[in-house]
Structures are given as structure tokens and as C-alpha cells.
PDB file of N, CA and C in Angstrom:
ATOM      1  N   MET A   1      12.845  13.904  -2.178  1.00  0.00           N
ATOM      2  CA  MET A   1      13.582  13.561  -3.741  1.00  0.00           C
ATOM      3  C   MET A   1      13.458  11.938  -3.840  1.00  0.00           C
ATOM      4  N   LEU A   2      12.931  11.295  -2.839  1.00  0.00           N
ATOM      5  CA  LEU A   2      12.675   9.877  -3.347  1.00  0.00           C
ATOM      6  C   LEU A   2      11.244   9.890  -4.470  1.00  0.00           C
ATOM      7  N   ALA A   3      10.443  10.802  -3.742  1.00  0.00           N
ATOM      8  CA  ALA A   3       8.938  10.983  -4.388  1.00  0.00           C
ATOM      9  C   ALA A   3       8.863  11.152  -5.429  1.00  0.00           C
ATOM     10  N   GLU A   4      10.322  12.424  -5.981  1.00  0.00           N
ATOM     11  CA  GLU A   4      10.421  12.841  -7.352  1.00  0.00           C
ATOM     12  C   GLU A   4      10.817  11.964  -8.397  1.00  0.00           C
ATOM     13  N   LYS A   5      11.700  10.973  -7.692  1.00  0.00           N
ATOM     14  CA  LYS A   5      12.017   9.598  -8.090  1.00  0.00           C
ATOM     15  C   LYS A   5      11.074   8.513  -8.830  1.00  0.00           C
ATOM     16  N   THR A   6      10.177   8.149  -7.625  1.00  0.00           N
ATOM     17  CA  THR A   6       8.730   7.153  -8.339  1.00  0.00           C
ATOM     18  C   THR A   6       7.667   7.643  -8.997  1.00  0.00           C
ATOM     19  N   VAL A   7       7.279   8.742  -8.550  1.00  0.00           N
ATOM     20  CA  VAL A   7       6.410   9.751  -9.411  1.00  0.00           C
ATOM     21  C   VAL A   7       6.623  10.719 -10.231  1.00  0.00           C
ATOM     22  N   GLY A   8       7.881  11.001 -10.546  1.00  0.00           N
ATOM     23  CA  GLY A   8       8.229  11.925 -11.503  1.00  0.00           C
ATOM     24  C   GLY A   8       8.196  13.544 -10.807  1.00  0.00           C
ATOM     25  N   PRO A   9       9.080  14.535 -11.004  1.00  0.00           N
ATOM     26  CA  PRO A   9       9.278  15.336 -10.453  1.00  0.00           C
ATOM     27  C   PRO A   9       7.941  16.788 -10.897  1.00  0.00           C
ATOM     28  N   GLY A  10       6.901  16.399 -11.889  1.00  0.00           N
ATOM     29  CA  GLY A  10       5.609  17.054 -11.654  1.00  0.00           C
ATOM     30  C   GLY A  10       4.371  16.179 -11.371  1.00  0.00           C
ATOM     31  N   ALA A  11       4.722  15.478 -10.367  1.00  0.00           N
ATOM     32  CA  ALA A  11       3.775  14.777  -9.684  1.00  0.00           C
ATOM     33  C   ALA A  11       2.729  15.383  -8.568  1.00  0.00           C
ATOM     34  N   SER A  12       1.449  15.145  -8.771  1.00  0.00           N
ATOM     35  CA  SER A  12       0.423  15.800  -8.232  1.00  0.00           C
ATOM     36  C   SER A  12       0.583  15.541  -6.781  1.00  0.00           C
ATOM     37  N   TYR A  13      -0.073  15.458  -5.469  1.00  0.00           N
ATOM     38  CA  TYR A  13      -0.027  15.883  -4.159  1.00  0.00           C
ATOM     39  C   TYR A  13      -0.862  14.626  -4.282  1.00  0.00           C
ATOM     40  N   LEU A  14      -2.029  14.337  -4.499  1.00  0.00           N
ATOM     41  CA  LEU A  14      -2.723  13.233  -4.838  1.00  0.00           C
ATOM     42  C   LEU A  14      -1.674  11.727  -5.151  1.00  0.00           C
ATOM     43  N   ARG A  15      -1.473  12.106  -6.462  1.00  0.00           N
ATOM     44  CA  ARG A  15       0.060  10.739  -6.582  1.00  0.00           C
ATOM     45  C   ARG A  15       1.074  10.825  -5.762  1.00  0.00           C
ATOM     46  N   ARG A  16       1.587  11.053  -5.452  1.00  0.00           N
ATOM     47  CA  ARG A  16       2.432  10.827  -3.801  1.00  0.00           C
ATOM     48  C   ARG A  16       1.577  10.634  -3.155  1.00  0.00           C
ATOM     49  N   LEU A  17       0.446  11.517  -2.468  1.00  0.00           N
ATOM     50  CA  LEU A  17       0.003  10.217  -1.572  1.00  0.00           C
ATOM     51  C   LEU A  17      -0.377   8.637  -1.997  1.00  0.00           C
ATOM     52  N   GLY A  18      -0.628   8.605  -2.881  1.00  0.00           N
ATOM     53  CA  GLY A  18      -1.030   6.905  -3.382  1.00  0.00           C
ATOM     54  C   GLY A  18       0.127   6.201  -3.610  1.00  0.00           C
ATOM     55  N   ALA A  19       1.251   7.131  -3.722  1.00  0.00           N
ATOM     56  CA  ALA A  19       2.581   6.176  -3.698  1.00  0.00           C
ATOM     57  C   ALA A  19       2.798   5.994  -2.203  1.00  0.00           C
ATOM     58  N   LEU A  20       2.801   6.800  -1.070  1.00  0.00           N
ATOM     59  CA  LEU A  20       3.266   6.231   0.037  1.00  0.00           C
ATOM     60  C   LEU A  20       2.226   5.587   0.612  1.00  0.00           C
ATOM     61  N   SER A  21       0.881   5.442   0.965  1.00  0.00           N
ATOM     62  CA  SER A  21      -0.034   4.444   1.114  1.00  0.00           C
ATOM     63  C   SER A  21       0.502   3.393   0.402  1.00  0.00           C
ATOM     64  N   GLY A  22       0.017   3.263  -0.744  1.00  0.00           N
ATOM     65  CA  GLY A  22       0.934   1.784  -1.636  1.00  0.00           C
ATOM     66  C   GLY A  22       1.817   1.619  -1.008  1.00  0.00           C
ATOM     67  N   LEU A  23       3.114   2.231  -0.580  1.00  0.00           N
ATOM     68  CA  LEU A  23       4.130   1.674  -0.743  1.00  0.00           C
ATOM     69  C   LEU A  23       4.179   1.284   1.734  1.00  0.00           C
ATOM     70  N   LEU A  24       3.484   2.234   2.024  1.00  0.00           N
ATOM     71  CA  LEU A  24       3.647   1.823   3.751  1.00  0.00           C
ATOM     72  C   LEU A  24       2.396   0.664   3.690  1.00  0.00           C
ATOM     73  N   CYS A  25       1.259   0.673   3.195  1.00  0.00           N
ATOM     74  CA  CYS A  25       0.178  -0.493   3.610  1.00  0.00           C
ATOM     75  C   CYS A  25       1.224  -1.977   2.718  1.00  0.00           C
ATOM     76  N   GLY A  26       1.503  -1.629   1.886  1.00  0.00           N
ATOM     77  CA  GLY A  26       2.443  -2.682   1.454  1.00  0.00           C
ATOM     78  C   GLY A  26       3.067  -3.631   2.483  1.00  0.00           C
ATOM     79  N   ILE A  27       3.994  -2.831   2.977  1.00  0.00           N
ATOM     80  CA  ILE A  27       4.538  -3.368   3.965  1.00  0.00           C
ATOM     81  C   ILE A  27       3.882  -3.555   5.208  1.00  0.00           C
ATOM     82  N   VAL A  28       2.823  -3.502   5.502  1.00  0.00           N
ATOM     83  CA  VAL A  28       2.035  -3.720   6.772  1.00  0.00           C
ATOM     84  C   VAL A  28       1.277  -5.324   5.827  1.00  0.00           C
ATOM     85  N   ALA A  29       1.112  -5.500   4.879  1.00  0.00           N
ATOM     86  CA  ALA A  29       0.385  -6.525   4.298  1.00  0.00           C
ATOM     87  C   ALA A  29       1.378  -7.208   4.217  1.00  0.00           C
ATOM     88  N   LEU A  30       2.784  -6.858   4.034  1.00  0.00           N
ATOM     89  CA  LEU A  30       3.855  -8.011   4.634  1.00  0.00           C
ATOM     90  C   LEU A  30       4.039  -8.690   5.928  1.00  0.00           C
ATOM     91  N   LEU A  31       3.624  -7.581   6.620  1.00  0.00           N
ATOM     92  CA  LEU A  31       4.037  -8.004   8.144  1.00  0.00           C
ATOM     93  C   LEU A  31       2.708  -8.644   8.680  1.00  0.00           C
ATOM     94  N   GLY A  32       1.290  -8.762   7.921  1.00  0.00           N
ATOM     95  CA  GLY A  32      -0.044  -9.007   8.443  1.00  0.00           C
ATOM     96  C   GLY A  32      -0.058 -10.699   7.497  1.00  0.00           C
ATOM     97  N   LEU A  33       0.498 -11.000   6.885  1.00  0.00           N
ATOM     98  CA  LEU A  33       0.700 -12.259   6.160  1.00  0.00           C
ATOM     99  C   LEU A  33       1.359 -12.817   6.773  1.00  0.00           C
ATOM    100  N   VAL A  34       2.578 -12.472   8.003  1.00  0.00           N
ATOM    101  CA  VAL A  34       3.076 -13.328   9.041  1.00  0.00           C
ATOM    102  C   VAL A  34       2.031 -13.458  10.336  1.00  0.00           C
ATOM    103  N   LEU A  35       1.381 -12.665  10.661  1.00  0.00           N
ATOM    104  CA  LEU A  35       0.455 -12.881  11.565  1.00  0.00           C
ATOM    105  C   LEU A  35      -0.435 -13.661  11.284  1.00  0.00           C
ATOM    106  N   VAL A  36      -1.302 -13.753   9.699  1.00  0.00           N
ATOM    107  CA  VAL A  36      -2.203 -14.650   9.551  1.00  0.00           C
ATOM    108  C   VAL A  36      -1.717 -15.842   9.319  1.00  0.00           C
ATOM    109  N   VAL A  37      -0.764 -16.378   9.216  1.00  0.00           N
ATOM    110  CA  VAL A  37      -0.177 -17.612   9.313  1.00  0.00           C
ATOM    111  C   VAL A  37       0.343 -18.028  10.619  1.00  0.00           C
ATOM    112  N   ARG A  38       0.640 -17.583  11.827  1.00  0.00           N
ATOM    113  CA  ARG A  38       1.076 -17.501  12.835  1.00  0.00           C
ATOM    114  C   ARG A  38      -0.229 -17.626  13.850  1.00  0.00           C
ATOM    115  N   GLN A  39      -1.411 -17.058  13.351  1.00  0.00           N
ATOM    116  CA  GLN A  39      -2.545 -16.891  14.237  1.00  0.00           C
ATOM    117  C   GLN A  39      -3.677 -16.409  13.304  1.00  0.00           C
ATOM    118  N   PRO A  40      -3.938 -17.893  12.437  1.00  0.00           N
ATOM    119  CA  PRO A  40      -5.396 -17.923  10.982  1.00  0.00           C
ATOM    120  C   PRO A  40      -6.588 -17.546  11.915  1.00  0.00           C
ATOM    121  N   CYS A  41      -7.058 -16.676  11.418  1.00  0.00           N
ATOM    122  CA  CYS A  41      -8.607 -16.368  12.049  1.00  0.00           C
ATOM    123  C   CYS A  41      -8.979 -15.437  10.861  1.00  0.00           C
ATOM    124  N   VAL A  42     -10.411 -15.523  11.114  1.00  0.00           N
ATOM    125  CA  VAL A  42     -11.065 -14.660  10.151  1.00  0.00           C
ATOM    126  C   VAL A  42     -10.673 -13.321  10.440  1.00  0.00           C
ATOM    127  N   GLU A  43     -10.605 -13.069  11.665  1.00  0.00           N
ATOM    128  CA  GLU A  43     -10.615 -11.101  11.765  1.00  0.00           C
ATOM    129  C   GLU A  43      -8.905 -10.678  10.906  1.00  0.00           C
ATOM    130  N   ASN A  44      -7.834 -11.521  11.446  1.00  0.00           N
ATOM    131  CA  ASN A  44      -6.582 -11.589  10.862  1.00  0.00           C
ATOM    132  C   ASN A  44      -6.524 -11.606   9.018  1.00  0.00           C
ATOM    133  N   LEU A  45      -7.538 -12.468   8.569  1.00  0.00           N
ATOM    134  CA  LEU A  45      -7.417 -12.226   6.852  1.00  0.00           C
ATOM    135  C   LEU A  45      -7.868 -11.183   6.279  1.00  0.00           C
ATOM    136  N   VAL A  46      -9.629 -11.480   7.299  1.00  0.00           N
ATOM    137  CA  VAL A  46     -10.046  -9.431   6.562  1.00  0.00           C
ATOM    138  C   VAL A  46      -8.884  -8.505   7.101  1.00  0.00           C
ATOM    139  N   ALA A  47      -8.579  -7.989   7.415  1.00  0.00           N
ATOM    140  CA  ALA A  47      -7.520  -7.196   7.657  1.00  0.00           C
ATOM    141  C   ALA A  47      -6.085  -7.260   6.971  1.00  0.00           C
ATOM    142  N   LEU A  48      -5.963  -8.691   6.760  1.00  0.00           N
ATOM    143  CA  LEU A  48      -5.104  -8.547   5.680  1.00  0.00           C
ATOM    144  C   LEU A  48      -5.167  -7.810   3.750  1.00  0.00           C
ATOM    145  N   LEU A  49      -6.409  -8.617   3.952  1.00  0.00           N
ATOM    146  CA  LEU A  49      -7.175  -8.280   2.516  1.00  0.00           C
ATOM    147  C   LEU A  49      -7.460  -6.530   2.983  1.00  0.00           C
ATOM    148  N   VAL A  50      -7.500  -6.153   3.561  1.00  0.00           N
ATOM    149  CA  VAL A  50      -8.150  -4.431   3.666  1.00  0.00           C
ATOM    150  C   VAL A  50      -6.690  -3.885   3.315  1.00  0.00           C
ATOM    151  N   CYS A  51      -5.623  -3.920   3.733  1.00  0.00           N
ATOM    152  CA  CYS A  51      -4.592  -3.627   4.000  1.00  0.00           C
ATOM    153  C   CYS A  51      -4.163  -3.579   2.706  1.00  0.00           C
ATOM    154  N   ALA A  52      -3.908  -5.234   2.157  1.00  0.00           N
ATOM    155  CA  ALA A  52      -3.316  -5.210   0.643  1.00  0.00           C
ATOM    156  C   ALA A  52      -4.407  -4.301  -0.605  1.00  0.00           C
ATOM    157  N   GLY A  53      -5.582  -4.235  -0.321  1.00  0.00           N
ATOM    158  CA  GLY A  53      -6.199  -3.700  -0.641  1.00  0.00           C
ATOM    159  C   GLY A  53      -6.480  -1.715  -0.981  1.00  0.00           C
ATOM    160  N   VAL A  54      -6.041  -1.383   0.232  1.00  0.00           N
ATOM    161  CA  VAL A  54      -5.495   0.052   0.099  1.00  0.00           C
ATOM    162  C   VAL A  54      -4.503  -0.250  -0.305  1.00  0.00           C
ATOM    163  N   SER A  55      -3.047  -1.220  -0.604  1.00  0.00           N
ATOM    164  CA  SER A  55      -1.557  -0.752  -1.051  1.00  0.00           C
ATOM    165  C   SER A  55      -2.072  -0.503  -2.309  1.00  0.00           C
ATOM    166  N   GLY A  56      -2.825  -1.625  -2.773  1.00  0.00           N
ATOM    167  CA  GLY A  56      -3.322  -2.011  -4.698  1.00  0.00           C
ATOM    168  C   GLY A  56      -4.324  -0.652  -4.834  1.00  0.00           C
ATOM    169  N   ALA A  57      -4.588   0.362  -4.381  1.00  0.00           N
ATOM    170  CA  ALA A  57      -5.320   1.307  -4.263  1.00  0.00           C
ATOM    171  C   ALA A  57      -4.791   2.778  -4.695  1.00  0.00           C
ATOM    172  N   GLY A  58      -3.659   2.497  -3.699  1.00  0.00           N
ATOM    173  CA  GLY A  58      -2.486   3.543  -4.199  1.00  0.00           C
ATOM    174  C   GLY A  58      -1.498   3.214  -4.850  1.00  0.00           C
ATOM    175  N   PHE A  59      -1.427   2.615  -5.230  1.00  0.00           N
ATOM    176  CA  PHE A  59      -0.096   2.191  -6.243  1.00  0.00           C
ATOM    177  C   PHE A  59      -0.917   2.331  -7.492  1.00  0.00           C
ATOM    178  N   VAL A  60      -1.898   2.378  -7.420  1.00  0.00           N
ATOM    179  CA  VAL A  60      -2.953   2.858  -9.197  1.00  0.00           C
ATOM    180  C   VAL A  60      -2.971   3.923  -8.999  1.00  0.00           C
ATOM    181  N   LEU A  61      -3.461   4.585  -7.741  1.00  0.00           N
ATOM    182  CA  LEU A  61      -3.430   5.873  -7.906  1.00  0.00           C
ATOM    183  C   LEU A  61      -2.183   6.793  -8.434  1.00  0.00           C
ATOM    184  N   ALA A  62      -1.399   6.123  -7.608  1.00  0.00           N
ATOM    185  CA  ALA A  62       0.425   6.767  -8.208  1.00  0.00           C
ATOM    186  C   ALA A  62       0.257   6.486  -9.421  1.00  0.00           C
ATOM    187  N   ARG A  63       0.395   5.139 -10.413  1.00  0.00           N
ATOM    188  CA  ARG A  63       0.127   5.275 -11.786  1.00  0.00           C
ATOM    189  C   ARG A  63      -0.430   6.275 -12.446  1.00  0.00           C
ATOM    190  N   GLY A  64      -1.822   6.861 -11.923  1.00  0.00           N
ATOM    191  CA  GLY A  64      -2.959   7.447 -12.638  1.00  0.00           C
ATOM    192  C   GLY A  64      -1.956   9.002 -13.818  1.00  0.00           C
ATOM    193  N   ASN A  65      -2.684   9.247 -14.512  1.00  0.00           N
ATOM    194  CA  ASN A  65      -2.287  10.078 -14.970  1.00  0.00           C
ATOM    195  C   ASN A  65      -2.869  11.700 -14.556  1.00  0.00           C
TER     196      ASN A  65
END
């Protein structure tokens, strides 16, 4: 039901998967931001950027036609 409100009732599974990955990776990216602030190192920053990239790609996929 939430997916139908977010991406529409006739959305494909790919768009729903994009919305789900965008949402979940966005939440994890916010948590990763806290990790980067508490323990700044290159590995944590790279993980945060990758997670933010996957989240952005998911949102782009969910908005696509």
C-alpha cells in the first residue's frame, strides 16, 4: 500500500525496488554520517559516499518512466 502511494498503483517492480533501495540506503547514509563524524577515516567516508550514491540511484530509478 505504501509503495502504491509513493510510486503509483501501476508501478513496475523495478520502480518499487528503486524506491525501496533509495529509502533504505538513505536511512543508512544518515546513520553513516554519524559514524563519519564520530570516527573520521577514509573507509567510513567511502562507505558513506557509496551508500548515498546507491540511494540517489534508487530515487532516480523510482522516478523514471
